[in-house]
Structures are given as C-alpha cells and as structure tokens.
Amino acid sequence: ILGMSYGGALGWGLSLTHPDVVNKLILVNPMCPQPFQSLRSLQMSTFLRMPQVAPLLEIFLSSPFGKSFLYSAREIFRDTRLENMDLDNLRGRKLLFVAGMIRQFSWILNQEHWQYWHNRLPENSKQSLLICDRKDPLFHYRSYEQFAQNFGVQEILHIDGAGHIPHPKHYSLIADSVLSFILREQLSNRLA
C-alpha cells in the first residue's frame, strides 16, 4: 500500500485494522495521529477547528487573512485546480468550490478519533517506508519522527524541499525508492 498525506493515514489505518491485506506500507508525508498538534501553522490549526459553516467560510475566505490562507493551502497541497485561479478575486462558484474542499478536509480532521489511532500505532507489524520532507510546510517534522518511532517504521527517506505533496521533480527519486523497498526482500531471497 502506498499512501500520501491523508491517503497515508488511510494506509496505516488499513494496516492496523486489516494486516492480512497489507504486505508492505509506503507512506509519503502521511497525516499522523493528532494532526492538529502536528500542523506547522497555528492559524491553519485554529481555522480547521472552527465550525465550517458555508456563509461564514465564504466571508472568511474573502478577507485578507482568508486570502493568505488560500495562498498557503495552494502551495501546500499543489492542487492543480487552484494553480491558475486568481485567489485575490475569488467569487461566486469558484469561491463555493474552494470553500467546499476546505469544509471536506476540515470535516475529516474533526470527525476522526485520533487518540484511538495513536494508541494503536505500536500494533503495526508491517514493513514500512516513510518518505518525508523535514521542512514539510503542513506538518512539523517531529510529528513524523514520533509517528515513525510509535509505528515501528523500518526505513525513512528524507526528500528535503519536496513539500507536503511532492513536487514532480522528485517523482523519479520517490519511484526508485518505492521500487527498491518493495523488491529488496525478493532480490535478497533470490541471491541467497
């Protein structure tokens, strides 16, 4: 299983709840348990904890603080749908679209029982590779370190400067590392 960001949380959750269907686990800047404490930005943490009521969210996103939040989110998530959007003049359907994406992400963060998952991390029995950026703009590196220790990650690959959603220039390095991790055991068995 390979999972990135929230997909990483789904991956490690699947590994813990259904270990029979997971052989190896590759996590790229995964969302770790206790995501609110892991967020680099206090503003983002505060914002994502607020009730996400559509009219208030639209007003917020139209404010200078909201615009700053949008520019930061666009950089963190590398969402191609936002890449060419003029965030300073976001109105109408486009504003509703962006507000809807933020509401969905916030809902996920606020609905999950993160402490339950944190307590289960030591149950992991699967070989795992953690790929992360020590300067991830979304989560503090210490959250990845704690996760790796609690989850029993065997291998960590740092790709500094990749961002939370890795930049395309890092895809080859990630693909090579993933392939090596997956095939390593098979190659050793053949050589033995």
Protein backbone atom coordinates (compact mmCIF):
# COMPACT_ATOMS: atom_id res chain seq x y z
CA ILE A 1 0.00 0.00 0.00
CA LEU A 2 1.28 3.47 -0.86
CA GLY A 3 -0.45 6.48 0.68
CA MET A 4 0.30 10.19 0.63
CA SER A 5 -0.97 12.80 3.11
CA TYR A 6 -4.48 11.73 4.19
CA GLY A 7 -4.06 8.68 1.95
CA GLY A 8 -1.12 7.80 4.20
CA ALA A 9 -3.42 7.86 7.22
CA LEU A 10 -5.81 5.58 5.34
CA GLY A 11 -2.86 3.30 4.56
CA TRP A 12 -1.58 2.98 8.11
CA GLY A 13 -5.17 2.65 9.35
CA LEU A 14 -5.77 -0.22 6.92
CA SER A 15 -2.50 -1.84 8.02
CA LEU A 16 -3.66 -1.72 11.65
CA THR A 17 -7.23 -2.88 11.09
CA HIS A 18 -6.64 -5.43 8.31
CA PRO A 19 -3.00 -6.53 8.48
CA ASP A 20 -3.87 -9.58 6.39
CA VAL A 21 -4.35 -7.42 3.26
CA VAL A 22 -1.15 -5.37 3.63
CA ASN A 23 2.29 -6.73 2.82
CA LYS A 24 4.37 -3.54 2.92
CA LEU A 25 3.48 0.05 3.57
CA ILE A 26 4.94 3.18 1.95
CA LEU A 27 3.88 6.49 3.46
CA VAL A 28 4.65 9.85 1.85
CA ASN A 29 4.23 12.76 4.27
CA PRO A 30 1.34 10.91 5.91
CA MET A 31 -1.19 12.56 8.15
CA CYS A 32 -0.22 11.35 11.59
CA PRO A 33 -2.49 10.89 14.58
CA GLN A 34 -3.03 14.16 16.42
CA PRO A 35 -2.90 16.25 13.23
CA PHE A 36 -3.93 19.49 14.93
CA GLN A 37 -0.85 19.38 17.17
CA SER A 38 1.30 18.47 14.15
CA LEU A 39 0.31 21.42 11.96
CA ARG A 40 3.07 23.96 11.45
CA SER A 41 0.71 26.90 11.23
CA LEU A 42 -1.24 27.97 14.31
CA GLN A 43 -3.59 29.90 12.00
CA MET A 44 -4.31 26.75 9.99
CA SER A 45 -4.85 24.69 13.13
CA THR A 46 -7.22 27.30 14.55
CA PHE A 47 -9.04 27.72 11.24
CA LEU A 48 -9.53 23.97 10.70
CA ARG A 49 -11.02 23.58 14.19
CA MET A 50 -13.62 26.29 13.58
CA PRO A 51 -17.14 25.27 12.60
CA GLN A 52 -17.16 25.29 8.80
CA VAL A 53 -20.49 26.99 8.10
CA ALA A 54 -20.73 27.83 4.39
CA PRO A 55 -21.68 31.56 4.55
CA LEU A 56 -19.09 32.29 7.28
CA LEU A 57 -16.43 30.37 5.40
CA GLU A 58 -17.10 32.37 2.24
CA ILE A 59 -16.82 35.65 4.18
CA PHE A 60 -13.61 34.43 5.82
CA LEU A 61 -12.06 33.38 2.50
CA SER A 62 -12.82 36.84 1.09
CA SER A 63 -10.89 38.53 3.93
CA PRO A 64 -7.13 39.30 3.76
CA PHE A 65 -6.45 36.52 6.31
CA GLY A 66 -8.54 34.14 4.23
CA LYS A 67 -6.63 35.06 1.06
CA SER A 68 -3.37 34.39 2.88
CA PHE A 69 -4.75 31.02 3.98
CA LEU A 70 -5.70 30.19 0.37
CA TYR A 71 -2.25 31.04 -1.00
CA SER A 72 -0.67 28.90 1.71
CA ALA A 73 -3.06 26.00 1.03
CA ARG A 74 -2.38 26.18 -2.70
CA GLU A 75 1.36 25.89 -2.07
CA ILE A 76 0.99 23.06 0.48
CA PHE A 77 -1.43 20.88 -1.46
CA ARG A 78 -0.24 21.68 -5.01
CA ASP A 79 -3.84 21.45 -6.16
CA THR A 80 -3.81 21.93 -9.92
CA ARG A 81 -7.42 23.14 -9.76
CA LEU A 82 -6.17 26.15 -7.77
CA GLU A 83 -2.92 26.70 -9.66
CA ASN A 84 -4.25 29.12 -12.26
CA MET A 85 -7.01 30.57 -10.12
CA ASP A 86 -6.80 34.27 -9.20
CA LEU A 87 -7.23 33.87 -5.46
CA ASP A 88 -7.41 37.62 -4.87
CA ASN A 89 -10.61 37.82 -6.93
CA LEU A 90 -12.22 34.55 -5.93
CA ARG A 91 -16.01 34.88 -6.10
CA GLY A 92 -19.16 33.01 -6.98
CA ARG A 93 -18.96 29.34 -7.93
CA LYS A 94 -15.17 29.22 -7.65
CA LEU A 95 -15.34 30.55 -4.10
CA LEU A 96 -18.02 27.97 -3.27
CA PHE A 97 -15.87 25.22 -4.83
CA VAL A 98 -12.81 26.13 -2.75
CA ALA A 99 -14.91 26.55 0.40
CA GLY A 100 -16.38 23.08 -0.21
CA MET A 101 -12.92 21.48 -0.49
CA ILE A 102 -11.85 23.14 2.77
CA ARG A 103 -15.05 22.06 4.54
CA GLN A 104 -14.48 18.43 3.49
CA PHE A 105 -10.88 18.42 4.72
CA SER A 106 -11.88 20.08 7.99
CA TRP A 107 -14.73 17.60 8.48
CA ILE A 108 -12.31 14.67 8.13
CA LEU A 109 -9.91 16.17 10.64
CA ASN A 110 -12.61 16.95 13.18
CA GLN A 111 -14.58 13.68 12.92
CA GLU A 112 -11.76 11.18 13.33
CA HIS A 113 -10.99 9.72 16.75
CA TRP A 114 -7.25 10.41 16.55
CA GLN A 115 -6.36 9.26 20.08
CA TYR A 116 -7.73 5.79 19.29
CA TRP A 117 -5.39 5.55 16.29
CA HIS A 118 -2.45 6.95 18.20
CA ASN A 119 -2.89 4.23 20.82
CA ARG A 120 -2.94 1.54 18.13
CA LEU A 121 0.24 2.58 16.32
CA PRO A 122 2.52 0.13 18.22
CA GLU A 123 0.41 -2.77 16.86
CA ASN A 124 1.94 -2.35 13.40
CA SER A 125 3.72 -5.47 12.20
CA LYS A 126 4.27 -4.49 8.57
CA GLN A 127 7.49 -3.39 6.93
CA SER A 128 7.17 0.29 6.27
CA LEU A 129 8.96 3.07 4.48
CA LEU A 130 8.34 6.69 5.47
CA ILE A 131 9.17 9.31 2.84
CA CYS A 132 9.04 12.83 4.18
CA ASP A 133 10.29 16.37 3.85
CA ARG A 134 11.90 17.63 7.07
CA LYS A 135 10.57 21.06 6.12
CA ASP A 136 7.08 19.92 5.15
CA PRO A 137 5.03 23.14 5.07
CA LEU A 138 1.98 21.40 6.60
CA PHE A 139 3.26 19.18 9.41
CA HIS A 140 6.21 19.51 11.78
CA TYR A 141 8.99 17.00 11.17
CA ARG A 142 8.86 15.97 14.85
CA SER A 143 5.38 14.53 14.19
CA TYR A 144 6.89 12.27 11.52
CA GLU A 145 9.69 11.25 13.90
CA GLN A 146 7.22 10.38 16.66
CA PHE A 147 5.00 8.53 14.21
CA ALA A 148 7.96 6.53 12.86
CA GLN A 149 9.01 5.55 16.36
CA ASN A 150 5.49 4.61 17.53
CA PHE A 151 4.59 2.79 14.33
CA GLY A 152 7.90 0.93 14.06
CA VAL A 153 8.93 2.34 10.68
CA GLN A 154 11.98 0.44 9.43
CA GLU A 155 13.20 2.94 6.86
CA ILE A 156 12.96 6.71 6.45
CA LEU A 157 13.82 8.60 3.29
CA HIS A 158 14.16 12.37 3.61
CA ILE A 159 13.47 14.39 0.49
CA ASP A 160 14.06 17.92 1.66
CA GLY A 161 12.43 20.60 -0.44
CA ALA A 162 9.82 18.22 -1.85
CA GLY A 163 6.94 19.89 0.01
CA HIS A 164 3.91 18.21 1.54
CA ILE A 165 2.66 17.00 -1.82
CA PRO A 166 6.00 16.24 -3.50
CA HIS A 167 6.99 18.37 -6.46
CA PRO A 168 7.14 16.49 -9.79
CA LYS A 169 10.92 16.90 -9.92
CA HIS A 170 11.08 14.39 -7.02
CA TYR A 171 8.88 11.73 -8.62
CA SER A 172 11.78 9.68 -10.03
CA LEU A 173 13.56 9.54 -6.67
CA ILE A 174 10.33 8.52 -4.93
CA ALA A 175 9.52 5.89 -7.57
CA ASP A 176 13.04 4.40 -7.40
CA SER A 177 12.92 4.31 -3.59
CA VAL A 178 9.48 2.67 -3.58
CA LEU A 179 10.54 0.06 -6.11
CA SER A 180 13.73 -0.70 -4.20
CA PHE A 181 11.78 -1.04 -0.94
CA ILE A 182 9.21 -3.36 -2.50
CA LEU A 183 11.70 -5.57 -4.32
CA ARG A 184 14.53 -5.64 -1.75
CA GLU A 185 13.32 -8.77 0.06
CA GLN A 186 12.58 -10.59 -3.19
CA LEU A 187 16.05 -9.83 -4.56
CA SER A 188 17.77 -10.96 -1.34
CA ASN A 189 15.84 -14.24 -1.38
CA ARG A 190 16.87 -14.89 -4.99
CA LEU A 191 20.52 -14.16 -4.23
CA ALA A 192 20.55 -16.41 -1.16
